């Protein structure tokens, strides 16, 4: 039996609406981050999340060994931020409001939530690393989420 093509899989996966986050780290070369929609809660006891990072990502390569990561869950008005952090080679933090979390990770202003924690597990699966993070810091704010569906950023009505 032959599996679906890469295009078929991408099209099917696009039918699943997701929130959008920016995963960040304070690296020896300065702050780094990337846009991620393969993100979710894993456990409340202990509080943990998981995400998938493309193995070929330049930002993820800089961040992978840091051990402490931040997550900013994006609000509806952050489409420009999501696009910027999805761009390779851009100076993603220039002119952008952000602050350090207690463990040092950059957190973006205006997000719906800020999370930070220690990496528990990084496991390769195909063209992505699956990462589990045990949370040490969580804060939430009011607002509506930025959503990604069928290869487009969307807003809830």
C-alpha atoms as a PDB file:
ATOM      1  CA  UNK A   1       0.000   0.000   0.000  1.00  0.00           C
ATOM      2  CA  UNK A   2       1.325   3.421  -0.978  1.00  0.00           C
ATOM      3  CA  UNK A   3       0.852   6.370   1.366  1.00  0.00           C
ATOM      4  CA  UNK A   4      -0.332   9.856   0.444  1.00  0.00           C
ATOM      5  CA  UNK A   5       1.966  12.195  -1.442  1.00  0.00           C
ATOM      6  CA  UNK A   6       3.565  15.144   0.354  1.00  0.00           C
ATOM      7  CA  UNK A   7       1.126  17.494  -1.416  1.00  0.00           C
ATOM      8  CA  UNK A   8      -1.876  15.351  -0.429  1.00  0.00           C
ATOM      9  CA  UNK A   9      -0.724  15.258   3.200  1.00  0.00           C
ATOM     10  CA  UNK A  10      -0.106  19.030   3.278  1.00  0.00           C
ATOM     11  CA  UNK A  11      -3.568  19.690   1.801  1.00  0.00           C
ATOM     12  CA  UNK A  12      -5.269  17.368   4.336  1.00  0.00           C
ATOM     13  CA  UNK A  13      -3.325  18.823   7.289  1.00  0.00           C
ATOM     14  CA  UNK A  14      -4.380  22.298   6.154  1.00  0.00           C
ATOM     15  CA  UNK A  15      -7.981  21.390   6.902  1.00  0.00           C
ATOM     16  CA  UNK A  16      -7.167  21.384  10.621  1.00  0.00           C
ATOM     17  CA  UNK A  17      -7.419  24.895  12.087  1.00  0.00           C
ATOM     18  CA  UNK A  18      -4.678  25.733  14.581  1.00  0.00           C
ATOM     19  CA  UNK A  19      -3.620  28.582  16.781  1.00  0.00           C
ATOM     20  CA  UNK A  20      -0.305  30.260  16.036  1.00  0.00           C
ATOM     21  CA  UNK A  21       2.623  30.658  18.429  1.00  0.00           C
ATOM     22  CA  UNK A  22       6.128  32.031  18.367  1.00  0.00           C
ATOM     23  CA  UNK A  23       8.667  29.731  20.027  1.00  0.00           C
ATOM     24  CA  UNK A  24      11.694  31.643  21.346  1.00  0.00           C
ATOM     25  CA  UNK A  25      14.993  31.245  23.161  1.00  0.00           C
ATOM     26  CA  UNK A  26      17.793  33.432  24.455  1.00  0.00           C
ATOM     27  CA  UNK A  27      20.747  32.044  22.514  1.00  0.00           C
ATOM     28  CA  UNK A  28      24.431  32.988  22.878  1.00  0.00           C
ATOM     29  CA  UNK A  29      23.998  35.006  19.644  1.00  0.00           C
ATOM     30  CA  UNK A  30      20.931  36.880  20.902  1.00  0.00           C
ATOM     31  CA  UNK A  31      17.198  36.180  20.842  1.00  0.00           C
ATOM     32  CA  UNK A  32      15.886  33.671  18.304  1.00  0.00           C
ATOM     33  CA  UNK A  33      12.403  32.515  17.401  1.00  0.00           C
ATOM     34  CA  UNK A  34      10.138  30.972  14.807  1.00  0.00           C
ATOM     35  CA  UNK A  35       6.455  30.754  13.955  1.00  0.00           C
ATOM     36  CA  UNK A  36       4.812  27.448  14.809  1.00  0.00           C
ATOM     37  CA  UNK A  37       1.273  26.144  14.377  1.00  0.00           C
ATOM     38  CA  UNK A  38       2.111  22.519  15.285  1.00  0.00           C
ATOM     39  CA  UNK A  39       1.703  23.265  18.994  1.00  0.00           C
ATOM     40  CA  UNK A  40      -0.520  21.980  21.768  1.00  0.00           C
ATOM     41  CA  UNK A  41      -1.018  21.337  25.433  1.00  0.00           C
ATOM     42  CA  UNK A  42       0.229  17.956  26.601  1.00  0.00           C
ATOM     43  CA  UNK A  43      -0.408  17.761  30.338  1.00  0.00           C
ATOM     44  CA  UNK A  44      -1.592  19.837  33.288  1.00  0.00           C
ATOM     45  CA  UNK A  45       0.203  17.606  35.828  1.00  0.00           C
ATOM     46  CA  UNK A  46       2.975  18.449  35.273  1.00  0.00           C
ATOM     47  CA  UNK A  47       2.115  21.449  33.085  1.00  0.00           C
ATOM     48  CA  UNK A  48       3.696  20.749  29.709  1.00  0.00           C
ATOM     49  CA  UNK A  49       3.326  21.533  26.024  1.00  0.00           C
ATOM     50  CA  UNK A  50       4.608  20.049  22.808  1.00  0.00           C
ATOM     51  CA  UNK A  51       5.459  21.467  19.414  1.00  0.00           C
ATOM     52  CA  UNK A  52       7.072  20.406  16.167  1.00  0.00           C
ATOM     53  CA  UNK A  53      10.035  22.305  14.724  1.00  0.00           C
ATOM     54  CA  UNK A  54      11.229  21.851  11.161  1.00  0.00           C
ATOM     55  CA  UNK A  55      14.686  20.247  11.355  1.00  0.00           C
ATOM     56  CA  UNK A  56      15.985  22.485   8.540  1.00  0.00           C
ATOM     57  CA  UNK A  57      14.994  25.682  10.417  1.00  0.00           C
ATOM     58  CA  UNK A  58      17.950  28.019  10.993  1.00  0.00           C
ATOM     59  CA  UNK A  59      16.248  29.462  14.097  1.00  0.00           C
ATOM     60  CA  UNK A  60      15.545  26.029  15.580  1.00  0.00           C
ATOM     61  CA  UNK A  61      19.181  25.029  14.992  1.00  0.00           C
ATOM     62  CA  UNK A  62      20.264  28.064  17.073  1.00  0.00           C
ATOM     63  CA  UNK A  63      17.696  27.326  19.804  1.00  0.00           C
ATOM     64  CA  UNK A  64      17.832  23.558  20.099  1.00  0.00           C
ATOM     65  CA  UNK A  65      20.699  23.319  22.617  1.00  0.00           C
ATOM     66  CA  UNK A  66      19.547  26.194  24.869  1.00  0.00           C
ATOM     67  CA  UNK A  67      17.302  24.010  27.050  1.00  0.00           C
ATOM     68  CA  UNK A  68      14.861  26.766  28.092  1.00  0.00           C
ATOM     69  CA  UNK A  69      12.222  27.945  25.632  1.00  0.00           C
ATOM     70  CA  UNK A  70       9.484  30.566  25.609  1.00  0.00           C
ATOM     71  CA  UNK A  71       6.163  30.543  23.786  1.00  0.00           C
ATOM     72  CA  UNK A  72       4.021  33.541  22.893  1.00  0.00           C
ATOM     73  CA  UNK A  73       0.493  32.543  21.850  1.00  0.00           C
ATOM     74  CA  UNK A  74      -0.440  35.080  19.179  1.00  0.00           C
ATOM     75  CA  UNK A  75      -3.463  37.362  19.211  1.00  0.00           C
ATOM     76  CA  UNK A  76      -5.625  38.135  16.174  1.00  0.00           C
ATOM     77  CA  UNK A  77      -3.695  41.331  15.387  1.00  0.00           C
ATOM     78  CA  UNK A  78      -0.326  39.501  15.174  1.00  0.00           C
ATOM     79  CA  UNK A  79      -0.486  38.270  11.569  1.00  0.00           C
ATOM     80  CA  UNK A  80       2.468  40.491  10.605  1.00  0.00           C
ATOM     81  CA  UNK A  81       4.467  39.064  13.535  1.00  0.00           C
ATOM     82  CA  UNK A  82       3.642  35.502  12.468  1.00  0.00           C
ATOM     83  CA  UNK A  83       4.790  36.232   8.912  1.00  0.00           C
ATOM     84  CA  UNK A  84       8.008  37.908  10.102  1.00  0.00           C
ATOM     85  CA  UNK A  85       8.982  35.043  12.424  1.00  0.00           C
ATOM     86  CA  UNK A  86       8.337  32.581   9.584  1.00  0.00           C
ATOM     87  CA  UNK A  87      10.974  34.353   7.463  1.00  0.00           C
ATOM     88  CA  UNK A  88      14.508  32.990   7.325  1.00  0.00           C
ATOM     89  CA  UNK A  89      17.257  35.555   7.850  1.00  0.00           C
ATOM     90  CA  UNK A  90      15.042  38.412   9.048  1.00  0.00           C
ATOM     91  CA  UNK A  91      15.979  40.450  12.136  1.00  0.00           C
ATOM     92  CA  UNK A  92      12.852  39.249  13.890  1.00  0.00           C
ATOM     93  CA  UNK A  93      13.205  41.147  17.167  1.00  0.00           C
ATOM     94  CA  UNK A  94      14.285  44.536  15.742  1.00  0.00           C
ATOM     95  CA  UNK A  95      11.757  47.221  16.602  1.00  0.00           C
ATOM     96  CA  UNK A  96       9.468  44.654  18.239  1.00  0.00           C
ATOM     97  CA  UNK A  97       8.292  45.003  21.868  1.00  0.00           C
ATOM     98  CA  UNK A  98       9.352  42.019  23.971  1.00  0.00           C
ATOM     99  CA  UNK A  99      10.672  41.193  27.427  1.00  0.00           C
ATOM    100  CA  UNK A 100      12.565  38.403  29.132  1.00  0.00           C
ATOM    101  CA  UNK A 101      10.653  35.655  30.953  1.00  0.00           C
ATOM    102  CA  UNK A 102      11.984  34.608  34.381  1.00  0.00           C
ATOM    103  CA  UNK A 103      14.245  32.003  32.717  1.00  0.00           C
ATOM    104  CA  UNK A 104      15.486  34.463  30.076  1.00  0.00           C
ATOM    105  CA  UNK A 105      13.356  33.539  27.058  1.00  0.00           C
ATOM    106  CA  UNK A 106      12.044  36.413  24.923  1.00  0.00           C
ATOM    107  CA  UNK A 107       8.268  36.910  25.188  1.00  0.00           C
ATOM    108  CA  UNK A 108       6.391  39.076  22.677  1.00  0.00           C
ATOM    109  CA  UNK A 109       4.207  41.972  23.804  1.00  0.00           C
ATOM    110  CA  UNK A 110       0.490  41.736  23.042  1.00  0.00           C
ATOM    111  CA  UNK A 111       0.329  37.935  23.088  1.00  0.00           C
ATOM    112  CA  UNK A 112      -2.668  36.043  24.498  1.00  0.00           C
ATOM    113  CA  UNK A 113      -0.403  33.991  26.741  1.00  0.00           C
ATOM    114  CA  UNK A 114       3.263  33.638  27.665  1.00  0.00           C
ATOM    115  CA  UNK A 115       4.774  30.279  28.563  1.00  0.00           C
ATOM    116  CA  UNK A 116       8.310  29.281  29.477  1.00  0.00           C
ATOM    117  CA  UNK A 117       9.912  26.041  30.519  1.00  0.00           C
ATOM    118  CA  UNK A 118      12.664  23.466  30.254  1.00  0.00           C
ATOM    119  CA  UNK A 119      12.956  21.107  27.342  1.00  0.00           C
ATOM    120  CA  UNK A 120      12.246  17.571  28.517  1.00  0.00           C
ATOM    121  CA  UNK A 121      12.439  15.736  25.186  1.00  0.00           C
ATOM    122  CA  UNK A 122      13.485  16.322  21.597  1.00  0.00           C
ATOM    123  CA  UNK A 123      12.736  13.440  19.257  1.00  0.00           C
ATOM    124  CA  UNK A 124      13.191  13.345  15.514  1.00  0.00           C
ATOM    125  CA  UNK A 125      10.235  12.373  13.377  1.00  0.00           C
ATOM    126  CA  UNK A 126      10.725  12.750   9.641  1.00  0.00           C
ATOM    127  CA  UNK A 127      11.467  16.342   8.694  1.00  0.00           C
ATOM    128  CA  UNK A 128      10.570  17.699  12.158  1.00  0.00           C
ATOM    129  CA  UNK A 129      11.708  17.445  15.764  1.00  0.00           C
ATOM    130  CA  UNK A 130       8.920  16.866  18.281  1.00  0.00           C
ATOM    131  CA  UNK A 131       9.693  18.828  21.451  1.00  0.00           C
ATOM    132  CA  UNK A 132       8.169  18.478  24.928  1.00  0.00           C
ATOM    133  CA  UNK A 133       8.584  21.405  27.332  1.00  0.00           C
ATOM    134  CA  UNK A 134       7.807  21.274  31.068  1.00  0.00           C
ATOM    135  CA  UNK A 135       6.434  24.696  32.017  1.00  0.00           C
ATOM    136  CA  UNK A 136       7.788  26.825  34.855  1.00  0.00           C
ATOM    137  CA  UNK A 137       6.081  30.114  33.934  1.00  0.00           C
ATOM    138  CA  UNK A 138       2.572  30.818  32.584  1.00  0.00           C
ATOM    139  CA  UNK A 139       0.620  34.063  32.219  1.00  0.00           C
ATOM    140  CA  UNK A 140      -2.522  34.861  30.239  1.00  0.00           C
ATOM    141  CA  UNK A 141      -4.102  38.002  28.793  1.00  0.00           C
ATOM    142  CA  UNK A 142      -7.446  38.953  27.196  1.00  0.00           C
ATOM    143  CA  UNK A 143      -8.028  38.894  23.459  1.00  0.00           C
ATOM    144  CA  UNK A 144      -8.904  36.794  20.418  1.00  0.00           C
ATOM    145  CA  UNK A 145      -6.538  34.276  18.782  1.00  0.00           C
ATOM    146  CA  UNK A 146      -4.792  34.273  15.434  1.00  0.00           C
ATOM    147  CA  UNK A 147      -5.821  31.098  13.574  1.00  0.00           C
ATOM    148  CA  UNK A 148      -4.202  29.277  10.650  1.00  0.00           C
ATOM    149  CA  UNK A 149      -6.463  27.313   8.265  1.00  0.00           C
ATOM    150  CA  UNK A 150      -5.949  26.143   4.664  1.00  0.00           C
ATOM    151  CA  UNK A 151      -2.616  27.977   4.398  1.00  0.00           C
ATOM    152  CA  UNK A 152      -4.066  31.337   5.476  1.00  0.00           C
ATOM    153  CA  UNK A 153      -4.141  33.348   8.682  1.00  0.00           C
ATOM    154  CA  UNK A 154      -7.714  33.844   9.890  1.00  0.00           C
ATOM    155  CA  UNK A 155      -9.652  35.425  12.737  1.00  0.00           C
ATOM    156  CA  UNK A 156     -12.554  33.996  14.689  1.00  0.00           C
ATOM    157  CA  UNK A 157     -15.866  35.744  14.061  1.00  0.00           C
END
